[in-house]
Amino acid sequence: MTPIWLKQTPAGITLSLHCQPGAKQTKVVGLHDGCLKISLQAPALENKANAYLLAWLSKQLKVPQKQIQFVSGQNSRKKQIEIWGSISPEQIVQILKP
């Protein structure tokens, strides 16, 4: 069963994330309001948390960073991220499960 925070689209896979910058360590915390909640070590200053999030997702999912982009929410805690490439929704769920 596909989780509520993941959606397969014709272009790729969209993730709904709730990000909490300024945490002690970067990790998946759980679910929050229909989104996957991720605590980020980076501060929410000068786009650092967004850049850190993309780099962290790239490393965790083993997908090149250029295949991950923001759909919306760059200035919000609630973000939509699109991933395309050779990764399945099942693999993403397995890697990012809370």
N, C-alpha and C. Protein backbone atom coordinates (compact mmCIF):
# COMPACT_ATOMS: atom_id res chain seq x y z
N MET A 1 0.83 -1.18 0.00
CA MET A 1 0.00 0.00 0.00
C MET A 1 0.88 1.26 0.00
N THR A 2 0.53 2.18 -0.86
CA THR A 2 1.32 3.41 -0.97
C THR A 2 0.95 4.36 0.16
N PRO A 3 1.94 4.90 0.86
CA PRO A 3 1.64 5.85 1.94
C PRO A 3 1.06 7.16 1.41
N ILE A 4 0.40 7.89 2.28
CA ILE A 4 -0.29 9.12 1.90
C ILE A 4 0.69 10.21 1.44
N TRP A 5 1.94 10.16 1.91
CA TRP A 5 2.93 11.19 1.60
C TRP A 5 3.68 10.96 0.29
N LEU A 6 3.38 9.87 -0.41
CA LEU A 6 4.07 9.54 -1.66
C LEU A 6 3.06 9.41 -2.78
N LYS A 7 3.33 10.03 -3.92
CA LYS A 7 2.42 9.97 -5.05
C LYS A 7 3.21 9.73 -6.34
N GLN A 8 2.80 8.71 -7.08
CA GLN A 8 3.42 8.43 -8.39
C GLN A 8 2.78 9.36 -9.41
N THR A 9 3.60 10.06 -10.19
CA THR A 9 3.10 10.96 -11.23
C THR A 9 3.72 10.54 -12.56
N PRO A 10 3.19 11.05 -13.68
CA PRO A 10 3.82 10.71 -14.97
C PRO A 10 5.30 11.14 -15.05
N ALA A 11 5.63 12.22 -14.36
CA ALA A 11 7.01 12.74 -14.41
C ALA A 11 7.95 12.01 -13.46
N GLY A 12 7.42 11.46 -12.38
CA GLY A 12 8.27 10.80 -11.39
C GLY A 12 7.49 10.47 -10.14
N ILE A 13 8.10 10.71 -9.00
CA ILE A 13 7.48 10.42 -7.70
C ILE A 13 7.52 11.70 -6.87
N THR A 14 6.36 12.07 -6.33
CA THR A 14 6.27 13.28 -5.52
C THR A 14 6.16 12.90 -4.06
N LEU A 15 6.97 13.56 -3.22
CA LEU A 15 6.94 13.34 -1.77
C LEU A 15 6.40 14.58 -1.09
N SER A 16 5.49 14.40 -0.14
CA SER A 16 5.03 15.50 0.70
C SER A 16 5.79 15.41 2.02
N LEU A 17 6.56 16.45 2.30
CA LEU A 17 7.43 16.42 3.48
C LEU A 17 7.12 17.58 4.42
N HIS A 18 7.25 17.32 5.70
CA HIS A 18 7.18 18.37 6.71
C HIS A 18 8.57 18.42 7.33
N CYS A 19 9.27 19.53 7.13
CA CYS A 19 10.67 19.62 7.56
C CYS A 19 10.81 20.48 8.80
N GLN A 20 11.65 20.03 9.70
CA GLN A 20 11.90 20.73 10.95
C GLN A 20 13.40 21.03 11.02
N PRO A 21 13.80 22.27 10.62
CA PRO A 21 15.22 22.60 10.62
C PRO A 21 15.75 22.84 12.03
N GLY A 22 17.07 22.81 12.15
CA GLY A 22 17.72 23.11 13.43
C GLY A 22 17.72 21.96 14.42
N ALA A 23 17.52 20.73 13.95
CA ALA A 23 17.49 19.57 14.85
C ALA A 23 18.92 19.11 15.16
N LYS A 24 19.05 18.24 16.16
CA LYS A 24 20.37 17.70 16.52
C LYS A 24 20.92 16.80 15.43
N GLN A 25 20.05 16.01 14.81
CA GLN A 25 20.49 15.14 13.73
C GLN A 25 19.40 15.04 12.67
N THR A 26 19.80 14.71 11.46
CA THR A 26 18.87 14.59 10.35
C THR A 26 18.33 13.17 10.32
N LYS A 27 17.01 13.05 10.38
CA LYS A 27 16.39 11.72 10.34
C LYS A 27 14.90 11.85 10.06
N VAL A 28 14.31 10.74 9.66
CA VAL A 28 12.87 10.67 9.47
C VAL A 28 12.26 10.47 10.85
N VAL A 29 11.35 11.36 11.22
CA VAL A 29 10.76 11.33 12.57
C VAL A 29 9.47 10.53 12.59
N GLY A 30 8.66 10.67 11.55
CA GLY A 30 7.36 9.99 11.51
C GLY A 30 6.44 10.71 10.56
N LEU A 31 5.16 10.71 10.89
CA LEU A 31 4.17 11.38 10.05
C LEU A 31 3.65 12.62 10.75
N HIS A 32 3.31 13.63 9.95
CA HIS A 32 2.75 14.86 10.50
C HIS A 32 1.78 15.43 9.47
N ASP A 33 0.50 15.42 9.79
CA ASP A 33 -0.50 16.06 8.93
C ASP A 33 -0.47 15.52 7.50
N GLY A 34 -0.33 14.22 7.33
CA GLY A 34 -0.33 13.61 6.00
C GLY A 34 1.00 13.71 5.27
N CYS A 35 2.02 14.22 5.93
CA CYS A 35 3.35 14.36 5.33
C CYS A 35 4.35 13.50 6.10
N LEU A 36 5.45 13.17 5.43
CA LEU A 36 6.55 12.51 6.11
C LEU A 36 7.36 13.59 6.81
N LYS A 37 7.54 13.45 8.12
CA LYS A 37 8.25 14.48 8.89
C LYS A 37 9.74 14.14 8.97
N ILE A 38 10.56 15.11 8.58
CA ILE A 38 12.01 14.93 8.61
C ILE A 38 12.61 16.06 9.44
N SER A 39 13.43 15.69 10.42
CA SER A 39 14.17 16.72 11.17
C SER A 39 15.50 16.92 10.46
N LEU A 40 15.88 18.20 10.29
CA LEU A 40 17.09 18.54 9.55
C LEU A 40 18.10 19.20 10.48
N GLN A 41 19.36 18.80 10.34
CA GLN A 41 20.43 19.37 11.14
C GLN A 41 20.72 20.82 10.74
N ALA A 42 20.46 21.17 9.50
CA ALA A 42 20.80 22.49 8.98
C ALA A 42 19.81 23.55 9.49
N PRO A 43 20.29 24.79 9.65
CA PRO A 43 19.40 25.88 10.06
C PRO A 43 18.55 26.37 8.89
N ALA A 44 17.46 27.04 9.20
CA ALA A 44 16.56 27.54 8.17
C ALA A 44 17.00 28.92 7.67
N LEU A 45 18.29 29.12 7.55
CA LEU A 45 18.83 30.41 7.11
C LEU A 45 19.38 30.30 5.69
N GLU A 46 19.14 31.32 4.90
CA GLU A 46 19.73 31.44 3.56
C GLU A 46 19.63 30.15 2.75
N ASN A 47 18.49 29.49 2.81
CA ASN A 47 18.23 28.30 1.99
C ASN A 47 19.10 27.09 2.36
N LYS A 48 19.79 27.13 3.51
CA LYS A 48 20.68 26.04 3.90
C LYS A 48 19.91 24.74 4.14
N ALA A 49 18.76 24.85 4.80
CA ALA A 49 17.98 23.64 5.09
C ALA A 49 17.49 22.98 3.80
N ASN A 50 17.07 23.77 2.82
CA ASN A 50 16.61 23.21 1.54
C ASN A 50 17.75 22.49 0.82
N ALA A 51 18.91 23.12 0.75
CA ALA A 51 20.06 22.50 0.09
C ALA A 51 20.47 21.22 0.83
N TYR A 52 20.44 21.28 2.16
CA TYR A 52 20.80 20.12 2.98
C TYR A 52 19.80 18.98 2.75
N LEU A 53 18.52 19.33 2.68
CA LEU A 53 17.47 18.32 2.46
C LEU A 53 17.69 17.59 1.13
N LEU A 54 17.94 18.34 0.06
CA LEU A 54 18.16 17.72 -1.25
C LEU A 54 19.40 16.82 -1.23
N ALA A 55 20.47 17.28 -0.60
CA ALA A 55 21.70 16.48 -0.52
C ALA A 55 21.46 15.22 0.30
N TRP A 56 20.73 15.36 1.42
CA TRP A 56 20.45 14.21 2.29
C TRP A 56 19.58 13.18 1.56
N LEU A 57 18.52 13.66 0.87
CA LEU A 57 17.66 12.73 0.12
C LEU A 57 18.45 12.03 -0.97
N SER A 58 19.29 12.76 -1.66
CA SER A 58 20.12 12.19 -2.72
C SER A 58 20.98 11.06 -2.18
N LYS A 59 21.60 11.29 -1.03
CA LYS A 59 22.47 10.28 -0.41
C LYS A 59 21.66 9.07 0.07
N GLN A 60 20.53 9.32 0.76
CA GLN A 60 19.72 8.23 1.30
C GLN A 60 19.13 7.36 0.19
N LEU A 61 18.62 8.01 -0.86
CA LEU A 61 17.93 7.29 -1.93
C LEU A 61 18.87 6.82 -3.03
N LYS A 62 20.15 7.25 -2.95
CA LYS A 62 21.14 6.90 -3.98
C LYS A 62 20.67 7.34 -5.37
N VAL A 63 20.16 8.57 -5.42
CA VAL A 63 19.69 9.18 -6.66
C VAL A 63 20.51 10.45 -6.85
N PRO A 64 21.03 10.73 -8.07
CA PRO A 64 21.77 11.97 -8.26
C PRO A 64 20.95 13.19 -7.87
N GLN A 65 21.60 14.16 -7.24
CA GLN A 65 20.88 15.33 -6.72
C GLN A 65 20.15 16.10 -7.83
N LYS A 66 20.66 16.04 -9.06
CA LYS A 66 19.99 16.74 -10.15
C LYS A 66 18.66 16.08 -10.54
N GLN A 67 18.38 14.89 -9.99
CA GLN A 67 17.11 14.22 -10.26
C GLN A 67 16.10 14.44 -9.13
N ILE A 68 16.40 15.38 -8.25
CA ILE A 68 15.50 15.73 -7.15
C ILE A 68 15.26 17.23 -7.21
N GLN A 69 14.00 17.64 -7.19
CA GLN A 69 13.74 19.08 -7.23
C GLN A 69 12.52 19.44 -6.41
N PHE A 70 12.45 20.70 -6.04
CA PHE A 70 11.28 21.21 -5.32
C PHE A 70 10.14 21.45 -6.30
N VAL A 71 8.94 21.03 -5.93
CA VAL A 71 7.74 21.38 -6.68
C VAL A 71 7.15 22.63 -6.02
N SER A 72 7.14 22.63 -4.69
CA SER A 72 6.63 23.78 -3.93
C SER A 72 7.17 23.74 -2.51
N GLY A 73 7.02 24.86 -1.81
CA GLY A 73 7.32 24.90 -0.39
C GLY A 73 8.74 25.26 0.00
N GLN A 74 9.50 25.91 -0.90
CA GLN A 74 10.87 26.27 -0.56
C GLN A 74 10.93 27.17 0.67
N ASN A 75 9.91 27.99 0.89
CA ASN A 75 9.91 28.92 2.02
C ASN A 75 8.96 28.48 3.14
N SER A 76 8.63 27.20 3.15
CA SER A 76 7.66 26.68 4.12
C SER A 76 8.22 25.40 4.73
N ARG A 77 7.64 25.00 5.85
CA ARG A 77 8.04 23.70 6.42
C ARG A 77 7.43 22.56 5.62
N LYS A 78 6.29 22.83 5.00
CA LYS A 78 5.61 21.81 4.19
C LYS A 78 6.12 21.91 2.76
N LYS A 79 6.75 20.85 2.28
CA LYS A 79 7.41 20.88 0.98
C LYS A 79 6.92 19.74 0.09
N GLN A 80 6.92 19.99 -1.20
CA GLN A 80 6.65 18.96 -2.20
C GLN A 80 7.95 18.77 -2.97
N ILE A 81 8.44 17.55 -3.02
CA ILE A 81 9.69 17.23 -3.70
C ILE A 81 9.38 16.21 -4.78
N GLU A 82 9.95 16.40 -5.96
CA GLU A 82 9.77 15.43 -7.03
C GLU A 82 11.09 14.72 -7.31
N ILE A 83 11.01 13.41 -7.47
CA ILE A 83 12.18 12.58 -7.74
C ILE A 83 11.89 11.79 -9.01
N TRP A 84 12.85 11.76 -9.90
CA TRP A 84 12.70 10.90 -11.06
C TRP A 84 14.00 10.16 -11.27
N GLY A 85 13.94 9.10 -12.03
CA GLY A 85 15.13 8.27 -12.21
C GLY A 85 14.80 6.82 -11.91
N SER A 86 15.84 6.06 -11.62
CA SER A 86 15.67 4.61 -11.49
C SER A 86 15.42 4.19 -10.05
N ILE A 87 14.36 4.74 -9.47
CA ILE A 87 13.97 4.32 -8.12
C ILE A 87 12.45 4.15 -8.10
N SER A 88 12.01 3.11 -7.43
CA SER A 88 10.57 2.83 -7.37
C SER A 88 9.97 3.40 -6.09
N PRO A 89 8.65 3.61 -6.09
CA PRO A 89 8.00 4.06 -4.85
C PRO A 89 8.24 3.10 -3.70
N GLU A 90 8.28 1.81 -3.97
CA GLU A 90 8.51 0.81 -2.93
C GLU A 90 9.88 1.00 -2.29
N GLN A 91 10.90 1.29 -3.13
CA GLN A 91 12.25 1.50 -2.60
C GLN A 91 12.29 2.75 -1.72
N ILE A 92 11.61 3.81 -2.15
CA ILE A 92 11.58 5.05 -1.36
C ILE A 92 10.93 4.80 0.00
N VAL A 93 9.81 4.09 0.00
CA VAL A 93 9.11 3.79 1.26
C VAL A 93 10.02 2.97 2.17
N GLN A 94 10.72 1.99 1.60
CA GLN A 94 11.61 1.13 2.38
C GLN A 94 12.74 1.95 3.03
N ILE A 95 13.32 2.88 2.27
CA ILE A 95 14.46 3.66 2.75
C ILE A 95 14.02 4.73 3.75
N LEU A 96 12.89 5.38 3.50
CA LEU A 96 12.46 6.51 4.32
C LEU A 96 11.43 6.16 5.38
N LYS A 97 11.20 4.87 5.62
CA LYS A 97 10.16 4.54 6.59
C LYS A 97 10.54 5.06 7.99
N PRO A 98 9.56 5.62 8.69
CA PRO A 98 9.82 6.21 10.02
C PRO A 98 10.19 5.14 11.04
